[in-house]
């Protein structure tokens, strides 16, 4: 029984030794892929920095455009009020000229 266990142990050791080189090659390939991935892809910090920059630029641009639109609306409102006042003055002068 002891010899059978020793034989089984020897078989297991031999099978481990047989795949040792394969496991080493897999570890090396994985390390190479990890390094390539790290070199080719932007880091999470770089990605976040890019997004924050893009969103910040976009928000600033939209704020400027909104301010321009509000200013244009205010100018238009003032022009409409002046036009309404001018029209009312003309109507009043016509009424006055007609003696009403």
PDB file of N, CA and C in Angstrom:
ATOM      1  N   UNK A   1       0.818  -1.186   0.000  1.00  0.00           N
ATOM      2  CA  UNK A   1       0.000   0.000   0.000  1.00  0.00           C
ATOM      3  C   UNK A   1       0.867   1.258   0.000  1.00  0.00           C
ATOM      4  N   UNK A   2       1.962   1.206   0.721  1.00  0.00           N
ATOM      5  CA  UNK A   2       2.847   2.363   0.775  1.00  0.00           C
ATOM      6  C   UNK A   2       3.510   2.581  -0.566  1.00  0.00           C
ATOM      7  N   UNK A   3       3.865   1.472  -1.243  1.00  0.00           N
ATOM      8  CA  UNK A   3       4.468   1.613  -2.569  1.00  0.00           C
ATOM      9  C   UNK A   3       3.466   2.189  -3.573  1.00  0.00           C
ATOM     10  N   UNK A   4       2.218   1.844  -3.450  1.00  0.00           N
ATOM     11  CA  UNK A   4       1.191   2.367  -4.352  1.00  0.00           C
ATOM     12  C   UNK A   4       1.033   3.870  -4.144  1.00  0.00           C
ATOM     13  N   UNK A   5       1.061   4.281  -2.868  1.00  0.00           N
ATOM     14  CA  UNK A   5       0.951   5.714  -2.577  1.00  0.00           C
ATOM     15  C   UNK A   5       2.166   6.470  -3.113  1.00  0.00           C
ATOM     16  N   UNK A   6       3.347   5.865  -2.972  1.00  0.00           N
ATOM     17  CA  UNK A   6       4.555   6.502  -3.498  1.00  0.00           C
ATOM     18  C   UNK A   6       4.508   6.592  -5.017  1.00  0.00           C
ATOM     19  N   UNK A   7       4.019   5.544  -5.646  1.00  0.00           N
ATOM     20  CA  UNK A   7       3.893   5.560  -7.107  1.00  0.00           C
ATOM     21  C   UNK A   7       2.905   6.644  -7.543  1.00  0.00           C
ATOM     22  N   UNK A   8       1.780   6.745  -6.858  1.00  0.00           N
ATOM     23  CA  UNK A   8       0.772   7.765  -7.178  1.00  0.00           C
ATOM     24  C   UNK A   8       1.361   9.162  -6.977  1.00  0.00           C
ATOM     25  N   UNK A   9       2.110   9.328  -5.877  1.00  0.00           N
ATOM     26  CA  UNK A   9       2.752  10.611  -5.604  1.00  0.00           C
ATOM     27  C   UNK A   9       3.747  10.971  -6.709  1.00  0.00           C
ATOM     28  N   UNK A  10       4.519  10.008  -7.162  1.00  0.00           N
ATOM     29  CA  UNK A  10       5.494  10.231  -8.228  1.00  0.00           C
ATOM     30  C   UNK A  10       4.796  10.630  -9.522  1.00  0.00           C
ATOM     31  N   UNK A  11       3.660  10.008  -9.816  1.00  0.00           N
ATOM     32  CA  UNK A  11       2.889  10.344 -11.017  1.00  0.00           C
ATOM     33  C   UNK A  11       2.386  11.779 -10.925  1.00  0.00           C
ATOM     34  N   UNK A  12       1.898  12.148  -9.756  1.00  0.00           N
ATOM     35  CA  UNK A  12       1.378  13.521  -9.574  1.00  0.00           C
ATOM     36  C   UNK A  12       2.506  14.554  -9.709  1.00  0.00           C
ATOM     37  N   UNK A  13       3.638  14.286  -9.115  1.00  0.00           N
ATOM     38  CA  UNK A  13       4.777  15.195  -9.218  1.00  0.00           C
ATOM     39  C   UNK A  13       5.214  15.322 -10.669  1.00  0.00           C
ATOM     40  N   UNK A  14       5.252  14.224 -11.385  1.00  0.00           N
ATOM     41  CA  UNK A  14       5.663  14.239 -12.790  1.00  0.00           C
ATOM     42  C   UNK A  14       4.687  15.060 -13.619  1.00  0.00           C
ATOM     43  N   UNK A  15       3.386  14.948 -13.339  1.00  0.00           N
ATOM     44  CA  UNK A  15       2.399  15.721 -14.107  1.00  0.00           C
ATOM     45  C   UNK A  15       2.524  17.212 -13.790  1.00  0.00           C
ATOM     46  N   UNK A  16       2.827  17.530 -12.537  1.00  0.00           N
ATOM     47  CA  UNK A  16       3.035  18.939 -12.183  1.00  0.00           C
ATOM     48  C   UNK A  16       4.267  19.497 -12.888  1.00  0.00           C
ATOM     49  N   UNK A  17       5.314  18.729 -12.916  1.00  0.00           N
ATOM     50  CA  UNK A  17       6.528  19.166 -13.598  1.00  0.00           C
ATOM     51  C   UNK A  17       6.292  19.340 -15.097  1.00  0.00           C
ATOM     52  N   UNK A  18       5.415  18.502 -15.654  1.00  0.00           N
ATOM     53  CA  UNK A  18       5.141  18.579 -17.092  1.00  0.00           C
ATOM     54  C   UNK A  18       4.419  19.881 -17.455  1.00  0.00           C
ATOM     55  N   UNK A  19       3.545  20.383 -16.585  1.00  0.00           N
ATOM     56  CA  UNK A  19       2.795  21.604 -16.909  1.00  0.00           C
ATOM     57  C   UNK A  19       3.464  22.858 -16.360  1.00  0.00           C
ATOM     58  N   UNK A  20       4.563  22.687 -15.601  1.00  0.00           N
ATOM     59  CA  UNK A  20       5.244  23.836 -14.999  1.00  0.00           C
ATOM     60  C   UNK A  20       5.681  24.836 -16.064  1.00  0.00           C
ATOM     61  N   UNK A  21       6.273  24.357 -17.145  1.00  0.00           N
ATOM     62  CA  UNK A  21       6.731  25.259 -18.204  1.00  0.00           C
ATOM     63  C   UNK A  21       5.555  25.967 -18.871  1.00  0.00           C
ATOM     64  N   UNK A  22       4.469  25.252 -19.035  1.00  0.00           N
ATOM     65  CA  UNK A  22       3.270  25.837 -19.649  1.00  0.00           C
ATOM     66  C   UNK A  22       2.701  26.944 -18.754  1.00  0.00           C
ATOM     67  N   UNK A  23       2.657  26.681 -17.456  1.00  0.00           N
ATOM     68  CA  UNK A  23       2.158  27.686 -16.511  1.00  0.00           C
ATOM     69  C   UNK A  23       3.076  28.909 -16.525  1.00  0.00           C
ATOM     70  N   UNK A  24       4.378  28.681 -16.571  1.00  0.00           N
ATOM     71  CA  UNK A  24       5.326  29.805 -16.643  1.00  0.00           C
ATOM     72  C   UNK A  24       5.115  30.631 -17.898  1.00  0.00           C
ATOM     73  N   UNK A  25       4.890  29.961 -19.017  1.00  0.00           N
ATOM     74  CA  UNK A  25       4.650  30.678 -20.271  1.00  0.00           C
ATOM     75  C   UNK A  25       3.357  31.488 -20.194  1.00  0.00           C
ATOM     76  N   UNK A  26       2.335  30.912 -19.569  1.00  0.00           N
ATOM     77  CA  UNK A  26       1.067  31.643 -19.409  1.00  0.00           C
ATOM     78  C   UNK A  26       1.246  32.876 -18.521  1.00  0.00           C
ATOM     79  N   UNK A  27       2.013  32.735 -17.451  1.00  0.00           N
ATOM     80  CA  UNK A  27       2.258  33.883 -16.573  1.00  0.00           C
ATOM     81  C   UNK A  27       2.995  34.988 -17.326  1.00  0.00           C
ATOM     82  N   UNK A  28       3.979  34.594 -18.109  1.00  0.00           N
ATOM     83  CA  UNK A  28       4.743  35.578 -18.888  1.00  0.00           C
ATOM     84  C   UNK A  28       3.852  36.268 -19.923  1.00  0.00           C
ATOM     85  N   UNK A  29       3.014  35.494 -20.601  1.00  0.00           N
ATOM     86  CA  UNK A  29       2.101  36.073 -21.593  1.00  0.00           C
ATOM     87  C   UNK A  29       1.128  37.043 -20.926  1.00  0.00           C
ATOM     88  N   UNK A  30       0.638  36.669 -19.765  1.00  0.00           N
ATOM     89  CA  UNK A  30      -0.281  37.539 -19.038  1.00  0.00           C
ATOM     90  C   UNK A  30       0.411  38.838 -18.634  1.00  0.00           C
ATOM     91  N   UNK A  31       1.636  38.735 -18.160  1.00  0.00           N
ATOM     92  CA  UNK A  31       2.384  39.936 -17.783  1.00  0.00           C
ATOM     93  C   UNK A  31       2.593  40.843 -18.995  1.00  0.00           C
ATOM     94  N   UNK A  32       2.913  40.250 -20.139  1.00  0.00           N
ATOM     95  CA  UNK A  32       3.101  41.047 -21.357  1.00  0.00           C
ATOM     96  C   UNK A  32       1.813  41.742 -21.770  1.00  0.00           C
ATOM     97  N   UNK A  33       0.703  41.014 -21.722  1.00  0.00           N
ATOM     98  CA  UNK A  33      -0.582  41.617 -22.084  1.00  0.00           C
ATOM     99  C   UNK A  33      -0.955  42.734 -21.126  1.00  0.00           C
ATOM    100  N   UNK A  34      -0.707  42.525 -19.848  1.00  0.00           N
ATOM    101  CA  UNK A  34      -1.013  43.560 -18.861  1.00  0.00           C
ATOM    102  C   UNK A  34      -0.195  44.817 -19.121  1.00  0.00           C
ATOM    103  N   UNK A  35       1.075  44.631 -19.451  1.00  0.00           N
ATOM    104  CA  UNK A  35       1.930  45.778 -19.732  1.00  0.00           C
ATOM    105  C   UNK A  35       1.472  46.492 -21.004  1.00  0.00           C
ATOM    106  N   UNK A  36       1.131  45.742 -22.039  1.00  0.00           N
ATOM    107  CA  UNK A  36       0.648  46.354 -23.283  1.00  0.00           C
ATOM    108  C   UNK A  36      -0.636  47.130 -23.027  1.00  0.00           C
ATOM    109  N   UNK A  37      -1.507  46.549 -22.244  1.00  0.00           N
ATOM    110  CA  UNK A  37      -2.777  47.212 -21.930  1.00  0.00           C
ATOM    111  C   UNK A  37      -2.517  48.527 -21.201  1.00  0.00           C
ATOM    112  N   UNK A  38      -1.626  48.483 -20.220  1.00  0.00           N
ATOM    113  CA  UNK A  38      -1.312  49.689 -19.460  1.00  0.00           C
ATOM    114  C   UNK A  38      -0.689  50.765 -20.344  1.00  0.00           C
ATOM    115  N   UNK A  39       0.118  50.357 -21.315  1.00  0.00           N
ATOM    116  CA  UNK A  39       0.767  51.328 -22.193  1.00  0.00           C
ATOM    117  C   UNK A  39      -0.188  51.918 -23.214  1.00  0.00           C
ATOM    118  N   UNK A  40      -1.136  51.116 -23.694  1.00  0.00           N
ATOM    119  CA  UNK A  40      -2.024  51.567 -24.774  1.00  0.00           C
ATOM    120  C   UNK A  40      -3.240  52.316 -24.280  1.00  0.00           C
ATOM    121  N   UNK A  41      -3.712  51.981 -23.110  1.00  0.00           N
ATOM    122  CA  UNK A  41      -4.960  52.567 -22.637  1.00  0.00           C
ATOM    123  C   UNK A  41      -4.686  53.653 -21.609  1.00  0.00           C
ATOM    124  N   UNK A  42      -5.509  54.687 -21.678  1.00  0.00           N
ATOM    125  CA  UNK A  42      -5.369  55.789 -20.731  1.00  0.00           C
ATOM    126  C   UNK A  42      -5.737  55.305 -19.332  1.00  0.00           C
ATOM    127  N   UNK A  43      -5.084  55.883 -18.365  1.00  0.00           N
ATOM    128  CA  UNK A  43      -5.388  55.514 -16.990  1.00  0.00           C
ATOM    129  C   UNK A  43      -6.747  56.102 -16.600  1.00  0.00           C
ATOM    130  N   UNK A  44      -7.286  55.606 -15.510  1.00  0.00           N
ATOM    131  CA  UNK A  44      -8.579  56.114 -15.037  1.00  0.00           C
ATOM    132  C   UNK A  44      -8.472  57.604 -14.719  1.00  0.00           C
ATOM    133  N   UNK A  45      -7.363  58.037 -14.129  1.00  0.00           N
ATOM    134  CA  UNK A  45      -7.187  59.457 -13.820  1.00  0.00           C
ATOM    135  C   UNK A  45      -7.170  60.286 -15.095  1.00  0.00           C
ATOM    136  N   UNK A  46      -6.472  59.805 -16.128  1.00  0.00           N
ATOM    137  CA  UNK A  46      -6.430  60.538 -17.395  1.00  0.00           C
ATOM    138  C   UNK A  46      -7.830  60.645 -17.982  1.00  0.00           C
ATOM    139  N   UNK A  47      -8.582  59.564 -17.905  1.00  0.00           N
ATOM    140  CA  UNK A  47      -9.950  59.586 -18.445  1.00  0.00           C
ATOM    141  C   UNK A  47     -10.826  60.556 -17.682  1.00  0.00           C
ATOM    142  N   UNK A  48     -10.737  60.528 -16.354  1.00  0.00           N
ATOM    143  CA  UNK A  48     -11.534  61.452 -15.554  1.00  0.00           C
ATOM    144  C   UNK A  48     -11.133  62.901 -15.808  1.00  0.00           C
ATOM    145  N   UNK A  49      -9.844  63.146 -15.902  1.00  0.00           N
ATOM    146  CA  UNK A  49      -9.383  64.508 -16.198  1.00  0.00           C
ATOM    147  C   UNK A  49      -9.946  64.988 -17.533  1.00  0.00           C
ATOM    148  N   UNK A  50      -9.922  64.110 -18.550  1.00  0.00           N
ATOM    149  CA  UNK A  50     -10.461  64.475 -19.864  1.00  0.00           C
ATOM    150  C   UNK A  50     -11.955  64.795 -19.767  1.00  0.00           C
ATOM    151  N   UNK A  51     -12.706  63.939 -19.077  1.00  0.00           N
ATOM    152  CA  UNK A  51     -14.146  64.171 -18.944  1.00  0.00           C
ATOM    153  C   UNK A  51     -14.441  65.460 -18.181  1.00  0.00           C
ATOM    154  N   UNK A  52     -13.715  65.689 -17.099  1.00  0.00           N
ATOM    155  CA  UNK A  52     -13.938  66.911 -16.331  1.00  0.00           C
ATOM    156  C   UNK A  52     -13.621  68.152 -17.163  1.00  0.00           C
ATOM    157  N   UNK A  53     -12.545  68.080 -17.938  1.00  0.00           N
ATOM    158  CA  UNK A  53     -12.191  69.204 -18.812  1.00  0.00           C
ATOM    159  C   UNK A  53     -13.278  69.428 -19.851  1.00  0.00           C
ATOM    160  N   UNK A  54     -13.723  68.345 -20.470  1.00  0.00           N
ATOM    161  CA  UNK A  54     -14.743  68.457 -21.519  1.00  0.00           C
ATOM    162  C   UNK A  54     -16.048  69.001 -20.960  1.00  0.00           C
ATOM    163  N   UNK A  55     -16.478  68.456 -19.824  1.00  0.00           N
ATOM    164  CA  UNK A  55     -17.727  68.925 -19.230  1.00  0.00           C
ATOM    165  C   UNK A  55     -17.612  70.360 -18.758  1.00  0.00           C
ATOM    166  N   UNK A  56     -16.462  70.704 -18.199  1.00  0.00           N
ATOM    167  CA  UNK A  56     -16.259  72.079 -17.749  1.00  0.00           C
ATOM    168  C   UNK A  56     -16.291  73.047 -18.914  1.00  0.00           C
ATOM    169  N   UNK A  57     -15.604  72.701 -19.991  1.00  0.00           N
ATOM    170  CA  UNK A  57     -15.602  73.553 -21.188  1.00  0.00           C
ATOM    171  C   UNK A  57     -17.012  73.695 -21.738  1.00  0.00           C
ATOM    172  N   UNK A  58     -17.746  72.594 -21.776  1.00  0.00           N
ATOM    173  CA  UNK A  58     -19.108  72.609 -22.299  1.00  0.00           C
ATOM    174  C   UNK A  58     -20.010  73.471 -21.414  1.00  0.00           C
ATOM    175  N   UNK A  59     -19.882  73.320 -20.101  1.00  0.00           N
ATOM    176  CA  UNK A  59     -20.708  74.111 -19.181  1.00  0.00           C
ATOM    177  C   UNK A  59     -20.383  75.597 -19.313  1.00  0.00           C
ATOM    178  N   UNK A  60     -19.101  75.929 -19.431  1.00  0.00           N
ATOM    179  CA  UNK A  60     -18.713  77.336 -19.602  1.00  0.00           C
ATOM    180  C   UNK A  60     -19.285  77.898 -20.901  1.00  0.00           C
ATOM    181  N   UNK A  61     -19.191  77.122 -21.985  1.00  0.00           N
ATOM    182  CA  UNK A  61     -19.715  77.580 -23.272  1.00  0.00           C
ATOM    183  C   UNK A  61     -21.228  77.799 -23.190  1.00  0.00           C
ATOM    184  N   UNK A  62     -21.927  76.861 -22.552  1.00  0.00           N
ATOM    185  CA  UNK A  62     -23.373  77.003 -22.436  1.00  0.00           C
ATOM    186  C   UNK A  62     -23.749  78.200 -21.560  1.00  0.00           C
ATOM    187  N   UNK A  63     -22.987  78.454 -20.523  1.00  0.00           N
ATOM    188  CA  UNK A  63     -23.263  79.611 -19.667  1.00  0.00           C
ATOM    189  C   UNK A  63     -23.096  80.910 -20.458  1.00  0.00           C
ATOM    190  N   UNK A  64     -22.051  80.987 -21.279  1.00  0.00           N
ATOM    191  CA  UNK A  64     -21.845  82.188 -22.112  1.00  0.00           C
ATOM    192  C   UNK A  64     -22.995  82.357 -23.103  1.00  0.00           C
ATOM    193  N   UNK A  65     -23.400  81.263 -23.741  1.00  0.00           N
ATOM    194  CA  UNK A  65     -24.489  81.342 -24.719  1.00  0.00           C
ATOM    195  C   UNK A  65     -25.801  81.732 -24.050  1.00  0.00           C
ATOM    196  N   UNK A  66     -26.039  81.211 -22.838  1.00  0.00           N
ATOM    197  CA  UNK A  66     -27.256  81.570 -22.112  1.00  0.00           C
ATOM    198  C   UNK A  66     -27.251  83.048 -21.744  1.00  0.00           C
ATOM    199  N   UNK A  67     -26.103  83.560 -21.324  1.00  0.00           N
ATOM    200  CA  UNK A  67     -26.001  84.980 -20.991  1.00  0.00           C
ATOM    201  C   UNK A  67     -26.264  85.838 -22.226  1.00  0.00           C
ATOM    202  N   UNK A  68     -25.732  85.439 -23.379  1.00  0.00           N
ATOM    203  CA  UNK A  68     -25.990  86.172 -24.624  1.00  0.00           C
ATOM    204  C   UNK A  68     -27.471  86.148 -24.975  1.00  0.00           C
ATOM    205  N   UNK A  69     -28.096  84.987 -24.828  1.00  0.00           N
ATOM    206  CA  UNK A  69     -29.522  84.869 -25.154  1.00  0.00           C
ATOM    207  C   UNK A  69     -30.372  85.737 -24.233  1.00  0.00           C
ATOM    208  N   UNK A  70     -30.014  85.751 -22.944  1.00  0.00           N
ATOM    209  CA  UNK A  70     -30.760  86.599 -21.997  1.00  0.00           C
ATOM    210  C   UNK A  70     -30.585  88.071 -22.332  1.00  0.00           C
ATOM    211  N   UNK A  71     -29.371  88.470 -22.707  1.00  0.00           N
ATOM    212  CA  UNK A  71     -29.123  89.865 -23.071  1.00  0.00           C
ATOM    213  C   UNK A  71     -29.907  90.236 -24.331  1.00  0.00           C
ATOM    214  N   UNK A  72     -29.932  89.340 -25.309  1.00  0.00           N
ATOM    215  CA  UNK A  72     -30.676  89.605 -26.545  1.00  0.00           C
ATOM    216  C   UNK A  72     -32.166  89.708 -26.255  1.00  0.00           C
ATOM    217  N   UNK A  73     -32.680  88.871 -25.360  1.00  0.00           N
ATOM    218  CA  UNK A  73     -34.093  88.912 -25.000  1.00  0.00           C
ATOM    219  C   UNK A  73     -34.417  90.226 -24.282  1.00  0.00           C
ATOM    220  N   UNK A  74     -33.513  90.671 -23.406  1.00  0.00           N
ATOM    221  CA  UNK A  74     -33.730  91.937 -22.701  1.00  0.00           C
ATOM    222  C   UNK A  74     -33.733  93.100 -23.686  1.00  0.00           C
ATOM    223  N   UNK A  75     -32.807  93.079 -24.652  1.00  0.00           N
ATOM    224  CA  UNK A  75     -32.767  94.136 -25.672  1.00  0.00           C
ATOM    225  C   UNK A  75     -34.048  94.135 -26.492  1.00  0.00           C
ATOM    226  N   UNK A  76     -34.509  92.945 -26.859  1.00  0.00           N
ATOM    227  CA  UNK A  76     -35.735  92.827 -27.648  1.00  0.00           C
ATOM    228  C   UNK A  76     -36.940  93.334 -26.858  1.00  0.00           C
ATOM    229  N   UNK A  77     -36.972  93.009 -25.569  1.00  0.00           N
ATOM    230  CA  UNK A  77     -38.079  93.456 -24.720  1.00  0.00           C
ATOM    231  C   UNK A  77     -38.088  94.980 -24.614  1.00  0.00           C
ATOM    232  N   UNK A  78     -36.909  95.574 -24.454  1.00  0.00           N
ATOM    233  CA  UNK A  78     -36.821  97.032 -24.364  1.00  0.00           C
ATOM    234  C   UNK A  78     -37.253  97.673 -25.679  1.00  0.00           C
ATOM    235  N   UNK A  79     -36.859  97.089 -26.803  1.00  0.00           N
ATOM    236  CA  UNK A  79     -37.245  97.613 -28.111  1.00  0.00           C
ATOM    237  C   UNK A  79     -38.755  97.509 -28.297  1.00  0.00           C
ATOM    238  N   UNK A  80     -39.349  96.416 -27.859  1.00  0.00           N
ATOM    239  CA  UNK A  80     -40.807  96.256 -27.973  1.00  0.00           C
ATOM    240  C   UNK A  80     -41.541  97.280 -27.112  1.00  0.00           C
ATOM    241  N   UNK A  81     -41.029  97.551 -25.925  1.00  0.00           N
ATOM    242  CA  UNK A  81     -41.659  98.555 -25.055  1.00  0.00           C
ATOM    243  C   UNK A  81     -41.583  99.938 -25.700  1.00  0.00           C
ATOM    244  N   UNK A  82     -40.412 100.262 -26.286  1.00  0.00           N
ATOM    245  CA  UNK A  82     -40.267 101.563 -26.952  1.00  0.00           C
ATOM    246  C   UNK A  82     -41.220 101.662 -28.134  1.00  0.00           C
ATOM    247  N   UNK A  83     -41.347 100.588 -28.916  1.00  0.00           N
ATOM    248  CA  UNK A  83     -42.257 100.591 -30.059  1.00  0.00           C
ATOM    249  C   UNK A  83     -43.707 100.784 -29.603  1.00  0.00           C
ATOM    250  N   UNK A  84     -44.082 100.106 -28.512  1.00  0.00           N
ATOM    251  CA  UNK A  84     -45.443 100.253 -27.989  1.00  0.00           C
ATOM    252  C   UNK A  84     -45.679 101.684 -27.519  1.00  0.00           C
ATOM    253  N   UNK A  85     -44.692 102.280 -26.882  1.00  0.00           N
ATOM    254  CA  UNK A  85     -44.816 103.669 -26.420  1.00  0.00           C
ATOM    255  C   UNK A  85     -44.933 104.611 -27.606  1.00  0.00           C
ATOM    256  N   UNK A  86     -44.107 104.412 -28.634  1.00  0.00           N
ATOM    257  CA  UNK A  86     -44.157 105.258 -29.830  1.00  0.00           C
ATOM    258  C   UNK A  86     -45.520 105.137 -30.515  1.00  0.00           C
ATOM    259  N   UNK A  87     -46.041 103.922 -30.613  1.00  0.00           N
ATOM    260  CA  UNK A  87     -47.351 103.721 -31.251  1.00  0.00           C
ATOM    261  C   UNK A  87     -48.447 104.422 -30.453  1.00  0.00           C
ATOM    262  N   UNK A  88     -48.380 104.284 -29.121  1.00  0.00           N
ATOM    263  CA  UNK A  88     -49.390 104.935 -28.285  1.00  0.00           C
ATOM    264  C   UNK A  88     -49.328 106.449 -28.443  1.00  0.00           C
ATOM    265  N   UNK A  89     -48.101 107.004 -28.530  1.00  0.00           N
ATOM    266  CA  UNK A  89     -47.949 108.448 -28.718  1.00  0.00           C
ATOM    267  C   UNK A  89     -48.534 108.875 -30.054  1.00  0.00           C
ATOM    268  N   UNK A  90     -48.336 108.090 -31.111  1.00  0.00           N
ATOM    269  CA  UNK A  90     -48.889 108.419 -32.423  1.00  0.00           C
ATOM    270  C   UNK A  90     -50.416 108.373 -32.382  1.00  0.00           C
ATOM    271  N   UNK A  91     -50.947 107.344 -31.731  1.00  0.00           N
ATOM    272  CA  UNK A  91     -52.414 107.239 -31.623  1.00  0.00           C
ATOM    273  C   UNK A  91     -52.946 108.439 -30.848  1.00  0.00           C
ATOM    274  N   UNK A  92     -52.271 108.794 -29.754  1.00  0.00           N
ATOM    275  CA  UNK A  92     -52.706 109.947 -28.962  1.00  0.00           C
ATOM    276  C   UNK A  92     -52.659 111.238 -29.784  1.00  0.00           C
ATOM    277  N   UNK A  93     -51.590 111.415 -30.597  1.00  0.00           N
ATOM    278  CA  UNK A  93     -51.487 112.635 -31.397  1.00  0.00           C
ATOM    279  C   UNK A  93     -52.551 112.664 -32.492  1.00  0.00           C
ATOM    280  N   UNK A  94     -52.900 111.478 -33.050  1.00  0.00           N
ATOM    281  CA  UNK A  94     -53.951 111.418 -34.053  1.00  0.00           C
ATOM    282  C   UNK A  94     -55.299 111.782 -33.398  1.00  0.00           C
ATOM    283  N   UNK A  95     -55.555 111.238 -32.231  1.00  0.00           N
ATOM    284  CA  UNK A  95     -56.792 111.570 -31.511  1.00  0.00           C
ATOM    285  C   UNK A  95     -56.856 113.070 -31.220  1.00  0.00           C
ATOM    286  N   UNK A  96     -55.726 113.644 -30.802  1.00  0.00           N
ATOM    287  CA  UNK A  96     -55.659 115.048 -30.486  1.00  0.00           C
ATOM    288  C   UNK A  96     -55.922 115.899 -31.730  1.00  0.00           C
ATOM    289  N   UNK A  97     -55.326 115.467 -32.880  1.00  0.00           N
ATOM    290  CA  UNK A  97     -55.507 116.216 -34.117  1.00  0.00           C
ATOM    291  C   UNK A  97     -56.945 116.142 -34.610  1.00  0.00           C
ATOM    292  N   UNK A  98     -57.597 115.010 -34.337  1.00  0.00           N
ATOM    293  CA  UNK A  98     -58.984 114.856 -34.762  1.00  0.00           C
ATOM    294  C   UNK A  98     -59.957 115.484 -33.774  1.00  0.00           C
ATOM    295  N   UNK A  99     -59.429 115.904 -32.624  1.00  0.00           N
ATOM    296  CA  UNK A  99     -60.241 116.583 -31.641  1.00  0.00           C
ATOM    297  C   UNK A  99     -61.026 115.618 -30.778  1.00  0.00           C
ATOM    298  N   UNK A 100     -60.591 114.450 -30.610  1.00  0.00           N
ATOM    299  CA  UNK A 100     -61.323 113.483 -29.792  1.00  0.00           C
ATOM    300  C   UNK A 100     -60.910 113.536 -28.353  1.00  0.00           C
TER     301      UNK A 100
END
